C-alpha cells in the first residue's frame, strides 16, 4: 500500500505540555486513495496514568484564575485560526471532506474557543430571607474525558475542550483512531498557549477510550458517537458514578408542507442531507413530502445528486468526498441493496464508484416505507429515503416513530403554521426552513436514544460543572 508523506505535520500526543511519540503506532489512511498517510502514536496504560496524573495536578491552579482562563481561551482561538489551513489539510487527508469545508471546520473550532472566553458562570441567589442567604455557584468537575468521533474531528474536539476549560476543568481528549491526525495537531497548537497538563491529547484504539472513561481520575465524560458505543460509555461512567454528557446518533426527519414548491427548496434540501457526505448526526435522513408534490421533489433531488461532483477533497471543484471508513462504506452499500430488494426505487446513485478510494454515489431512494432499515435506522452516509404522505398527522407520527430524537425540521411557506407543527416533533432541536444550523451560544440535546445531557451554549457549559449551594446565616 502506498505511503503518502505529510510534511510539517506534528504527529505527537500532548502529555503534561510536551510532545510524546511512541514506538507503537497506528496506521492512518486516506479514504480518497486508500494510501497510508501517517503512523500515529499509541498511548499505553502507563502513559495514560502519567497523563491523568498531570491533569489532576494542573487542574486546581487552572480553576482558580478566571481571568487567566478567559485570556488563554482567546489565545487558543487565535492560535487555531492561524493554523486553519494546516488543520483543514489534515482533516481532508484523513476524513475526506472537501478542503474548503475542512478549513471552515478549523475556523469554527477557533470561534468556539473564543466564544467560551466570554461566557459567564455567575453566582445565582436562590434565597435572601430574614434568617439566611442561599447561593448557588458552579465548580469544575476536575478532569474531563472527551472522546470524539471521526466525522468532524477538529470541530467536535474544540466543542468539548472549550466548555471543559472555561468551567475550570482539565481535559483529556481521545480522538477516533480513524482520524487522529488533525486532533493531535490541535493538541500541539494548544500546548503552546495553555499551561502544562490542562489539555492532554492521547491516541489509540477504541480500548483506550474505554480505559479513559473508566480511569479513577476521570470525573466527567463527554462522548459523541453512535448509540451502541454510547451505551457502553454510559455503563462505564455509571459504574464509576461519574457524570456524563452523551451526544449520540440521529435519524432526523424533515417534513415538507403542501404550500412548498419542491424546485424552490431542492438544492437546499439536498445539502441538508448530503453535506459531509451525510456523515453528520444532525443531517436530514428521512424526508416526508406531500403525495401531490412527491414526484417533483424526488426528480429535483435526483437531478441534483446526479450533477454533484464526487471525488478527492483536495481537488478543486469537488463537492462531496469519500465515505470515511471501510465499515461505513459497507453499511451504506448494504442499506441501499436491502432497500432495493424490499422494493425501493433508486432515483439517483445507488452504487459504489470505481477507483481506489471509498466513494459512493449520492443516492436518492423513492418508493420506500417504514420498516425498511434505511428508513428506521440512521444511515450516516450519502443516502436519502424520500417518503410520500397524504395525511399530515400521519407524517408527524411517522417522523416521531423512531427511537431517535436529535433534530428535525419543517419546511413551509406559512411560517406560523410550520412553527406550530415544529412544536409537535419529538427532537431536541427543531428548525423551520433550515436544518443543523447551530452556533456556539445555542444548546443542543438529544431526546430518547439520541443522547443524555446538553452540549453548546450556557446550558452546555453548565454540564461541565457541578452545582454547589452555600447557605449563610444573617
Protein backbone atom coordinates (compact mmCIF):
# COMPACT_ATOMS: atom_id res chain seq x y z
CA UNK A 1 0.00 0.00 0.00
CA UNK A 2 1.27 3.47 -0.88
CA UNK A 3 2.61 5.64 1.91
CA UNK A 4 1.99 9.34 1.35
CA UNK A 5 4.15 11.87 3.15
CA UNK A 6 2.52 14.71 5.05
CA UNK A 7 5.27 17.30 5.56
CA UNK A 8 5.35 19.61 8.59
CA UNK A 9 2.78 17.59 10.45
CA UNK A 10 3.17 17.14 14.20
CA UNK A 11 2.06 13.55 14.80
CA UNK A 12 2.65 13.50 18.53
CA UNK A 13 0.46 13.25 21.59
CA UNK A 14 0.29 16.05 24.16
CA UNK A 15 1.00 14.99 27.74
CA UNK A 16 1.89 17.42 30.54
CA UNK A 17 2.53 20.12 27.97
CA UNK A 18 5.09 18.18 25.97
CA UNK A 19 5.14 16.26 22.70
CA UNK A 20 5.11 12.49 23.11
CA UNK A 21 5.84 9.90 20.44
CA UNK A 22 5.79 6.13 20.94
CA UNK A 23 7.29 3.09 19.29
CA UNK A 24 3.85 1.56 18.86
CA UNK A 25 1.76 3.28 16.20
CA UNK A 26 -1.50 3.01 14.30
CA UNK A 27 -1.64 3.49 10.53
CA UNK A 28 -3.92 6.25 9.28
CA UNK A 29 -5.13 6.06 5.70
CA UNK A 30 -6.60 8.46 3.15
CA UNK A 31 -10.18 7.48 2.27
CA UNK A 32 -9.82 9.12 -1.13
CA UNK A 33 -6.92 6.89 -2.21
CA UNK A 34 -6.59 4.06 0.29
CA UNK A 35 -2.94 5.01 0.85
CA UNK A 36 -1.34 5.23 4.29
CA UNK A 37 -0.67 8.88 5.14
CA UNK A 38 0.83 8.63 8.63
CA UNK A 39 1.51 6.44 11.62
CA UNK A 40 0.08 7.91 14.82
CA UNK A 41 1.48 7.12 18.28
CA UNK A 42 -0.41 4.86 20.64
CA UNK A 43 -0.90 5.53 24.34
CA UNK A 44 -0.33 2.57 26.66
CA UNK A 45 -1.59 2.08 30.21
CA UNK A 46 1.47 3.60 31.85
CA UNK A 47 1.32 6.73 29.70
CA UNK A 48 -2.41 7.06 30.39
CA UNK A 49 -1.72 7.03 34.12
CA UNK A 50 1.03 9.61 33.68
CA UNK A 51 -1.24 11.85 31.61
CA UNK A 52 -4.10 11.62 34.09
CA UNK A 53 -1.80 12.41 36.99
CA UNK A 54 -0.56 15.51 35.17
CA UNK A 55 -4.14 16.60 34.52
CA UNK A 56 -5.12 16.12 38.17
CA UNK A 57 -2.10 18.16 39.27
CA UNK A 58 -2.69 21.02 36.82
CA UNK A 59 -6.44 21.44 37.30
CA UNK A 60 -6.72 23.23 40.69
CA UNK A 61 -4.43 26.13 39.77
CA UNK A 62 -6.14 26.46 36.38
CA UNK A 63 -9.58 26.69 38.01
CA UNK A 64 -8.54 29.42 40.48
CA UNK A 65 -7.79 32.18 37.94
CA UNK A 66 -10.86 33.11 35.91
CA UNK A 67 -9.14 35.97 34.11
CA UNK A 68 -6.31 33.65 33.03
CA UNK A 69 -8.83 31.12 31.72
CA UNK A 70 -10.51 33.76 29.56
CA UNK A 71 -7.21 35.05 28.22
CA UNK A 72 -5.97 31.53 27.45
CA UNK A 73 -9.14 30.65 25.54
CA UNK A 74 -8.83 33.81 23.45
CA UNK A 75 -5.19 32.95 22.74
CA UNK A 76 -6.21 29.41 21.89
CA UNK A 77 -8.80 30.63 19.41
CA UNK A 78 -6.27 32.91 17.76
CA UNK A 79 -3.68 30.12 17.52
CA UNK A 80 -6.16 27.68 15.96
CA UNK A 81 -7.36 30.25 13.44
CA UNK A 82 -3.79 30.97 12.39
CA UNK A 83 -3.28 27.24 11.69
CA UNK A 84 -6.62 26.65 9.99
CA UNK A 85 -5.07 25.82 6.61
CA UNK A 86 -2.85 23.07 8.06
CA UNK A 87 -5.65 21.72 10.22
CA UNK A 88 -8.00 21.69 7.26
CA UNK A 89 -5.48 19.89 5.07
CA UNK A 90 -5.18 17.14 7.67
CA UNK A 91 -8.94 16.83 8.08
CA UNK A 92 -9.31 16.37 4.32
CA UNK A 93 -6.45 13.90 4.17
CA UNK A 94 -7.79 11.61 6.91
CA UNK A 95 -11.54 12.24 6.83
CA UNK A 96 -12.11 13.11 3.18
CA UNK A 97 -14.32 16.21 3.14
CA UNK A 98 -13.61 18.96 0.58
CA UNK A 99 -10.79 21.24 1.64
CA UNK A 100 -12.90 24.40 1.88
CA UNK A 101 -15.28 22.65 4.28
CA UNK A 102 -12.33 21.27 6.28
CA UNK A 103 -10.74 24.71 6.66
CA UNK A 104 -14.15 26.05 7.66
CA UNK A 105 -14.28 23.37 10.35
CA UNK A 106 -10.98 24.64 11.76
CA UNK A 107 -12.26 28.21 11.79
CA UNK A 108 -15.41 27.09 13.61
CA UNK A 109 -13.22 25.42 16.22
CA UNK A 110 -11.40 28.71 16.74
CA UNK A 111 -14.72 30.54 17.03
CA UNK A 112 -15.96 28.12 19.71
CA UNK A 113 -12.83 28.66 21.79
CA UNK A 114 -13.18 32.45 21.54
CA UNK A 115 -16.91 32.35 22.29
CA UNK A 116 -16.40 30.43 25.51
CA UNK A 117 -13.92 33.02 26.74
CA UNK A 118 -16.87 35.40 27.01
CA UNK A 119 -19.30 33.03 28.70
CA UNK A 120 -20.24 33.67 32.31
CA UNK A 121 -20.76 31.32 35.26
CA UNK A 122 -22.31 33.75 37.72
CA UNK A 123 -23.43 33.07 41.23
CA UNK A 124 -27.21 32.58 41.44
CA UNK A 125 -29.02 33.83 44.50
CA UNK A 126 -31.64 31.27 45.46
CA UNK A 127 -32.94 32.99 48.55
CA UNK A 128 -32.31 36.05 50.66
CA UNK A 129 -34.51 35.78 53.74
CA UNK A 130 -34.51 37.05 57.26
CA UNK A 131 -32.53 34.09 58.58
CA UNK A 132 -30.19 33.16 55.73
CA UNK A 133 -28.98 33.82 52.22
CA UNK A 134 -28.66 30.85 49.84
CA UNK A 135 -26.35 30.96 46.83
CA UNK A 136 -25.66 28.55 44.01
CA UNK A 137 -22.25 28.52 42.40
CA UNK A 138 -20.76 26.20 39.83
CA UNK A 139 -17.49 24.39 40.32
CA UNK A 140 -15.48 22.27 37.88
CA UNK A 141 -15.77 18.51 37.93
CA UNK A 142 -11.98 18.04 37.86
CA UNK A 143 -10.73 16.05 34.89
CA UNK A 144 -12.99 15.67 31.84
CA UNK A 145 -12.55 12.72 29.48
CA UNK A 146 -13.57 13.80 25.96
CA UNK A 147 -13.99 11.03 23.38
CA UNK A 148 -14.58 12.34 19.86
CA UNK A 149 -15.75 10.83 16.54
CA UNK A 150 -14.30 10.84 13.03
CA UNK A 151 -16.82 12.95 11.11
CA UNK A 152 -15.82 16.40 12.45
CA UNK A 153 -12.56 15.66 14.29
CA UNK A 154 -11.46 19.26 14.97
CA UNK A 155 -14.82 20.96 15.47
CA UNK A 156 -16.17 18.40 17.92
CA UNK A 157 -12.90 18.27 19.86
CA UNK A 158 -12.99 22.04 20.25
CA UNK A 159 -16.66 21.91 21.23
CA UNK A 160 -15.64 19.77 24.20
CA UNK A 161 -12.32 21.43 25.03
CA UNK A 162 -13.77 24.95 25.19
CA UNK A 163 -16.51 24.42 27.81
CA UNK A 164 -14.40 21.99 29.81
CA UNK A 165 -11.61 24.54 30.14
CA UNK A 166 -13.94 27.50 30.64
CA UNK A 167 -15.52 25.70 33.59
CA UNK A 168 -12.09 25.21 35.17
CA UNK A 169 -11.55 21.57 34.34
CA UNK A 170 -8.53 19.88 32.86
CA UNK A 171 -9.49 17.89 29.76
CA UNK A 172 -8.11 14.73 28.19
CA UNK A 173 -9.12 14.22 24.54
CA UNK A 174 -9.12 10.89 22.76
CA UNK A 175 -9.92 11.11 19.01
CA UNK A 176 -11.17 8.36 16.75
CA UNK A 177 -8.36 6.07 15.56
CA UNK A 178 -9.64 6.69 12.02
CA UNK A 179 -8.93 10.44 12.22
CA UNK A 180 -6.37 11.25 14.93
CA UNK A 181 -4.01 13.48 12.94
CA UNK A 182 -5.83 16.81 13.00
CA UNK A 183 -6.72 16.38 16.68
CA UNK A 184 -3.10 15.60 17.52
CA UNK A 185 -2.09 18.77 15.67
CA UNK A 186 -4.77 20.69 17.58
CA UNK A 187 -3.13 19.47 20.79
CA UNK A 188 0.29 20.56 19.52
CA UNK A 189 -1.06 24.04 18.73
CA UNK A 190 -2.78 24.46 22.07
CA UNK A 191 0.07 23.18 24.21
CA UNK A 192 1.90 26.37 23.21
CA UNK A 193 -0.77 28.58 24.80
CA UNK A 194 -2.12 26.50 27.70
CA UNK A 195 -0.43 25.53 30.97
CA UNK A 196 1.07 22.02 31.03
CA UNK A 197 -1.43 19.32 31.95
CA UNK A 198 -4.55 21.41 31.35
CA UNK A 199 -5.06 19.86 27.91
CA UNK A 200 -4.00 16.33 27.06
CA UNK A 201 -4.46 14.65 23.68
CA UNK A 202 -3.96 10.90 23.54
CA UNK A 203 -4.33 8.44 20.69
CA UNK A 204 -5.06 4.75 20.44
CA UNK A 205 -7.69 2.17 19.56
CA UNK A 206 -11.20 2.10 20.99
CA UNK A 207 -9.91 0.26 24.05
CA UNK A 208 -8.04 3.41 25.06
CA UNK A 209 -11.31 5.34 25.11
CA UNK A 210 -12.82 2.71 27.39
CA UNK A 211 -9.81 2.91 29.72
CA UNK A 212 -10.01 6.71 29.80
CA UNK A 213 -13.71 6.68 30.67
CA UNK A 214 -13.13 4.13 33.44
CA UNK A 215 -9.97 5.76 34.83
CA UNK A 216 -10.15 6.64 38.51
CA UNK A 217 -9.00 10.20 37.81
CA UNK A 218 -11.87 10.91 35.38
CA UNK A 219 -14.65 12.99 36.93
CA UNK A 220 -16.87 13.69 33.91
CA UNK A 221 -17.22 12.10 30.48
CA UNK A 222 -18.18 13.86 27.26
CA UNK A 223 -18.78 11.48 24.37
CA UNK A 224 -20.01 11.91 20.81
CA UNK A 225 -20.64 8.81 18.74
CA UNK A 226 -23.05 6.03 17.96
CA UNK A 227 -25.90 4.88 20.18
CA UNK A 228 -24.32 1.45 20.64
CA UNK A 229 -20.99 2.93 21.73
CA UNK A 230 -22.82 5.43 23.92
CA UNK A 231 -24.45 2.62 25.85
CA UNK A 232 -21.02 1.22 26.73
CA UNK A 233 -19.73 4.66 27.73
CA UNK A 234 -22.78 5.29 29.90
CA UNK A 235 -22.38 1.92 31.60
CA UNK A 236 -18.69 2.52 32.30
CA UNK A 237 -19.30 6.05 33.58
CA UNK A 238 -22.17 4.82 35.74
CA UNK A 239 -20.06 2.07 37.23
CA UNK A 240 -17.68 4.75 38.49
CA UNK A 241 -20.55 7.10 39.46
CA UNK A 242 -19.22 9.68 37.00
CA UNK A 243 -21.44 12.20 35.29
CA UNK A 244 -21.63 12.02 31.51
CA UNK A 245 -22.77 14.03 28.51
CA UNK A 246 -23.60 11.84 25.51
CA UNK A 247 -24.36 13.21 22.06
CA UNK A 248 -25.39 10.14 20.09
CA UNK A 249 -26.93 9.28 16.75
CA UNK A 250 -29.86 10.84 14.98
CA UNK A 251 -32.34 9.86 12.29
CA UNK A 252 -33.54 13.37 11.63
CA UNK A 253 -36.85 13.75 9.77
CA UNK A 254 -37.75 16.70 7.56
CA UNK A 255 -41.41 17.35 6.74
CA UNK A 256 -42.24 19.37 3.64
CA UNK A 257 -45.67 21.03 3.78
CA UNK A 258 -48.17 21.35 0.97
CA UNK A 259 -47.50 25.06 0.38
CA UNK A 260 -43.91 24.48 -0.74
CA UNK A 261 -42.61 24.35 -4.30
CA UNK A 262 -40.17 21.38 -4.46
CA UNK A 263 -38.00 23.12 -7.04
CA UNK A 264 -37.53 26.09 -4.69
CA UNK A 265 -36.04 24.03 -1.85
CA UNK A 266 -34.49 21.03 -3.63
CA UNK A 267 -30.93 22.37 -3.68
CA UNK A 268 -31.04 23.43 -0.02
CA UNK A 269 -32.64 20.15 0.98
CA UNK A 270 -30.00 18.18 -0.90
CA UNK A 271 -27.19 19.80 1.07
CA UNK A 272 -29.03 19.50 4.37
CA UNK A 273 -28.97 15.75 3.73
CA UNK A 274 -25.68 15.23 1.90
CA UNK A 275 -23.20 17.78 3.31
CA UNK A 276 -20.12 15.96 4.60
CA UNK A 277 -21.45 13.00 2.59
CA UNK A 278 -24.31 12.62 5.03
CA UNK A 279 -21.80 11.78 7.78
CA UNK A 280 -23.34 14.03 10.40
CA UNK A 281 -25.55 13.26 13.36
CA UNK A 282 -27.67 16.30 12.55
CA UNK A 283 -28.46 15.83 8.88
CA UNK A 284 -31.77 15.21 7.15
CA UNK A 285 -32.03 11.44 6.99
CA UNK A 286 -35.75 10.95 6.22
CA UNK A 287 -37.77 13.27 4.00
CA UNK A 288 -41.59 13.33 4.13
CA UNK A 289 -43.29 15.02 1.14
CA UNK A 290 -46.98 15.54 0.26
CA UNK A 291 -48.09 12.93 -2.29
CA UNK A 292 -49.03 15.54 -4.91
CA UNK A 293 -45.53 17.02 -4.74
CA UNK A 294 -43.66 13.76 -4.25
CA UNK A 295 -42.67 13.04 -7.86
CA UNK A 296 -41.42 16.60 -8.37
CA UNK A 297 -39.35 16.52 -5.19
CA UNK A 298 -37.79 13.14 -5.99
CA UNK A 299 -36.95 14.28 -9.52
CA UNK A 300 -35.39 17.55 -8.32
CA UNK A 301 -33.28 15.83 -5.68
CA UNK A 302 -32.21 13.14 -8.13
CA UNK A 303 -31.12 15.73 -10.67
CA UNK A 304 -29.02 17.49 -8.04
CA UNK A 305 -27.49 14.19 -6.92
CA UNK A 306 -26.56 13.25 -10.47
CA UNK A 307 -24.90 16.61 -11.06
CA UNK A 308 -22.79 16.79 -7.90
CA UNK A 309 -19.05 16.30 -8.26
CA UNK A 310 -17.74 13.45 -6.10
CA UNK A 311 -14.01 12.99 -5.66
CA UNK A 312 -10.83 13.72 -3.74
CA UNK A 313 -11.47 16.61 -1.37
CA UNK A 314 -8.14 18.20 -2.29
CA UNK A 315 -9.16 18.63 -5.92
CA UNK A 316 -10.70 21.98 -6.82
CA UNK A 317 -14.38 21.69 -7.60
CA UNK A 318 -15.04 18.58 -5.51
CA UNK A 319 -18.37 18.88 -3.72
CA UNK A 320 -18.56 15.53 -1.93
CA UNK A 321 -15.62 13.44 -0.80
CA UNK A 322 -15.33 9.76 0.11
CA UNK A 323 -17.03 7.82 2.85
CA UNK A 324 -14.52 7.96 5.69
CA UNK A 325 -14.26 4.39 6.97
CA UNK A 326 -14.43 1.00 5.24
CA UNK A 327 -17.09 -0.17 7.68
CA UNK A 328 -19.30 2.81 6.91
CA UNK A 329 -18.96 2.33 3.16
CA UNK A 330 -20.04 -1.29 3.55
CA UNK A 331 -23.01 -0.22 5.67
CA UNK A 332 -24.15 2.34 3.11
CA UNK A 333 -23.94 -0.20 0.29
CA UNK A 334 -25.83 -2.79 2.36
CA UNK A 335 -28.58 -0.30 3.25
CA UNK A 336 -29.13 0.55 -0.41
CA UNK A 337 -29.12 -3.06 -1.61
CA UNK A 338 -31.50 -4.20 1.15
CA UNK A 339 -33.89 -1.33 0.38
CA UNK A 340 -33.90 -2.16 -3.33
CA UNK A 341 -34.51 -5.82 -2.54
CA UNK A 342 -37.52 -4.73 -0.47
CA UNK A 343 -38.98 -2.68 -3.30
CA UNK A 344 -37.29 0.73 -3.16
CA UNK A 345 -36.53 2.55 -6.40
CA UNK A 346 -33.14 4.16 -6.97
CA UNK A 347 -33.88 7.65 -8.30
CA UNK A 348 -30.18 8.59 -8.31
CA UNK A 349 -26.90 6.91 -7.37
CA UNK A 350 -27.33 3.57 -5.70
CA UNK A 351 -23.80 2.28 -6.26
CA UNK A 352 -20.20 2.41 -5.17
CA UNK A 353 -17.97 4.36 -7.51
CA UNK A 354 -14.98 2.81 -9.24
CA UNK A 355 -11.46 3.58 -8.06
CA UNK A 356 -9.14 3.03 -5.13
CA UNK A 357 -10.95 5.34 -2.73
CA UNK A 358 -14.09 4.78 -0.67
CA UNK A 359 -16.57 6.55 -2.88
CA UNK A 360 -20.32 6.05 -3.10
CA UNK A 361 -22.64 7.94 -5.41
CA UNK A 362 -25.10 10.23 -3.59
CA UNK A 363 -28.26 8.16 -3.53
CA UNK A 364 -31.90 9.22 -3.53
CA UNK A 365 -34.35 6.41 -2.80
CA UNK A 366 -38.04 6.55 -3.70
CA UNK A 367 -40.88 4.11 -3.02
CA UNK A 368 -39.55 3.47 0.46
CA UNK A 369 -41.61 2.85 3.57
CA UNK A 370 -41.36 2.45 7.31
CA UNK A 371 -39.95 -0.93 8.23
CA UNK A 372 -37.06 -0.69 5.79
CA UNK A 373 -33.77 -0.40 7.63
CA UNK A 374 -32.76 2.61 5.52
CA UNK A 375 -35.78 4.46 6.95
CA UNK A 376 -35.83 3.15 10.50
CA UNK A 377 -32.11 3.45 11.26
CA UNK A 378 -29.51 6.17 10.84
CA UNK A 379 -27.67 5.83 7.53
CA UNK A 380 -24.74 8.17 8.31
CA UNK A 381 -23.79 8.27 4.66
CA UNK A 382 -24.82 9.59 1.24
CA UNK A 383 -28.32 8.08 1.17
CA UNK A 384 -31.69 9.84 1.49
CA UNK A 385 -35.01 7.97 1.56
CA UNK A 386 -37.99 10.10 0.41
CA UNK A 387 -41.46 9.11 1.64
CA UNK A 388 -44.86 10.41 0.45
CA UNK A 389 -47.73 11.27 2.75
CA UNK A 390 -51.39 12.15 2.29
CA UNK A 391 -52.23 12.99 5.90
CA UNK A 392 -50.05 15.46 7.80
CA UNK A 393 -50.89 13.96 11.19
CA UNK A 394 -49.69 10.59 9.93
CA UNK A 395 -46.47 12.17 8.64
CA UNK A 396 -45.83 13.72 12.06
CA UNK A 397 -46.49 10.38 13.74
CA UNK A 398 -44.08 8.67 11.31
CA UNK A 399 -41.42 11.32 11.95
CA UNK A 400 -41.74 10.67 15.70
CA UNK A 401 -41.88 6.89 15.40
CA UNK A 402 -38.20 6.04 15.85
CA UNK A 403 -36.07 5.73 18.98
CA UNK A 404 -34.02 8.75 17.85
CA UNK A 405 -34.74 12.36 18.77
CA UNK A 406 -31.76 14.54 17.90
CA UNK A 407 -33.00 17.01 15.28
CA UNK A 408 -35.93 17.60 12.92
CA UNK A 409 -37.18 20.27 10.55
CA UNK A 410 -40.39 21.58 8.96
CA UNK A 411 -40.46 23.33 5.60
CA UNK A 412 -43.36 25.64 4.74
CA UNK A 413 -44.28 28.97 3.18
CA UNK A 414 -46.57 29.79 6.10
CA UNK A 415 -44.03 30.26 8.90
CA UNK A 416 -46.58 30.32 11.71
CA UNK A 417 -48.11 27.05 10.55
CA UNK A 418 -44.68 25.44 10.16
CA UNK A 419 -43.73 26.66 13.64
CA UNK A 420 -46.84 25.08 15.14
CA UNK A 421 -46.02 21.74 13.50
CA UNK A 422 -42.40 22.00 14.69
CA UNK A 423 -43.72 22.01 18.24
CA UNK A 424 -45.21 18.55 17.66
CA UNK A 425 -41.94 16.91 16.66
CA UNK A 426 -40.02 14.84 19.22
CA UNK A 427 -36.48 16.14 18.86
CA UNK A 428 -34.04 18.12 20.93
CA UNK A 429 -33.73 20.78 18.21
CA UNK A 430 -36.30 21.61 15.54
CA UNK A 431 -35.73 24.06 12.70
CA UNK A 432 -38.20 25.81 10.41
CA UNK A 433 -36.99 26.11 6.81
CA UNK A 434 -33.48 25.00 7.70
CA UNK A 435 -31.60 22.18 9.38
CA UNK A 436 -28.49 21.74 11.51
CA UNK A 437 -27.99 25.47 11.96
CA UNK A 438 -26.01 25.81 15.20
CA UNK A 439 -23.85 28.40 16.90
CA UNK A 440 -21.61 28.46 19.99
CA UNK A 441 -24.37 30.10 22.04
CA UNK A 442 -27.05 27.55 21.09
CA UNK A 443 -27.58 24.46 23.25
CA UNK A 444 -28.47 21.17 21.63
CA UNK A 445 -29.56 17.91 23.18
CA UNK A 446 -30.99 14.61 22.06
CA UNK A 447 -34.24 13.05 23.20
CA UNK A 448 -34.85 9.32 23.55
CA UNK A 449 -31.77 7.34 22.40
CA UNK A 450 -30.05 10.37 20.86
CA UNK A 451 -28.24 11.39 24.00
CA UNK A 452 -28.03 12.46 27.62
CA UNK A 453 -27.30 15.97 28.77
CA UNK A 454 -26.74 19.14 26.77
CA UNK A 455 -23.91 20.43 24.61
CA UNK A 456 -23.42 24.03 23.46
CA UNK A 457 -24.26 27.42 24.89
CA UNK A 458 -24.60 28.27 28.55
CA UNK A 459 -26.71 25.16 29.19
CA UNK A 460 -23.96 23.01 27.75
CA UNK A 461 -21.32 24.84 29.78
CA UNK A 462 -23.26 24.03 32.93
CA UNK A 463 -22.88 20.34 32.11
CA UNK A 464 -19.14 20.69 32.62
CA UNK A 465 -19.75 21.91 36.17
CA UNK A 466 -21.21 20.57 39.38
CA UNK A 467 -23.57 22.83 41.35
CA UNK A 468 -22.59 23.90 44.84
CA UNK A 469 -25.12 25.50 47.20
CA UNK A 470 -23.89 27.67 50.06
CA UNK A 471 -26.26 28.73 52.85
CA UNK A 472 -25.02 31.50 55.11
CA UNK A 473 -26.84 32.89 58.12
CA UNK A 474 -27.64 36.51 58.53
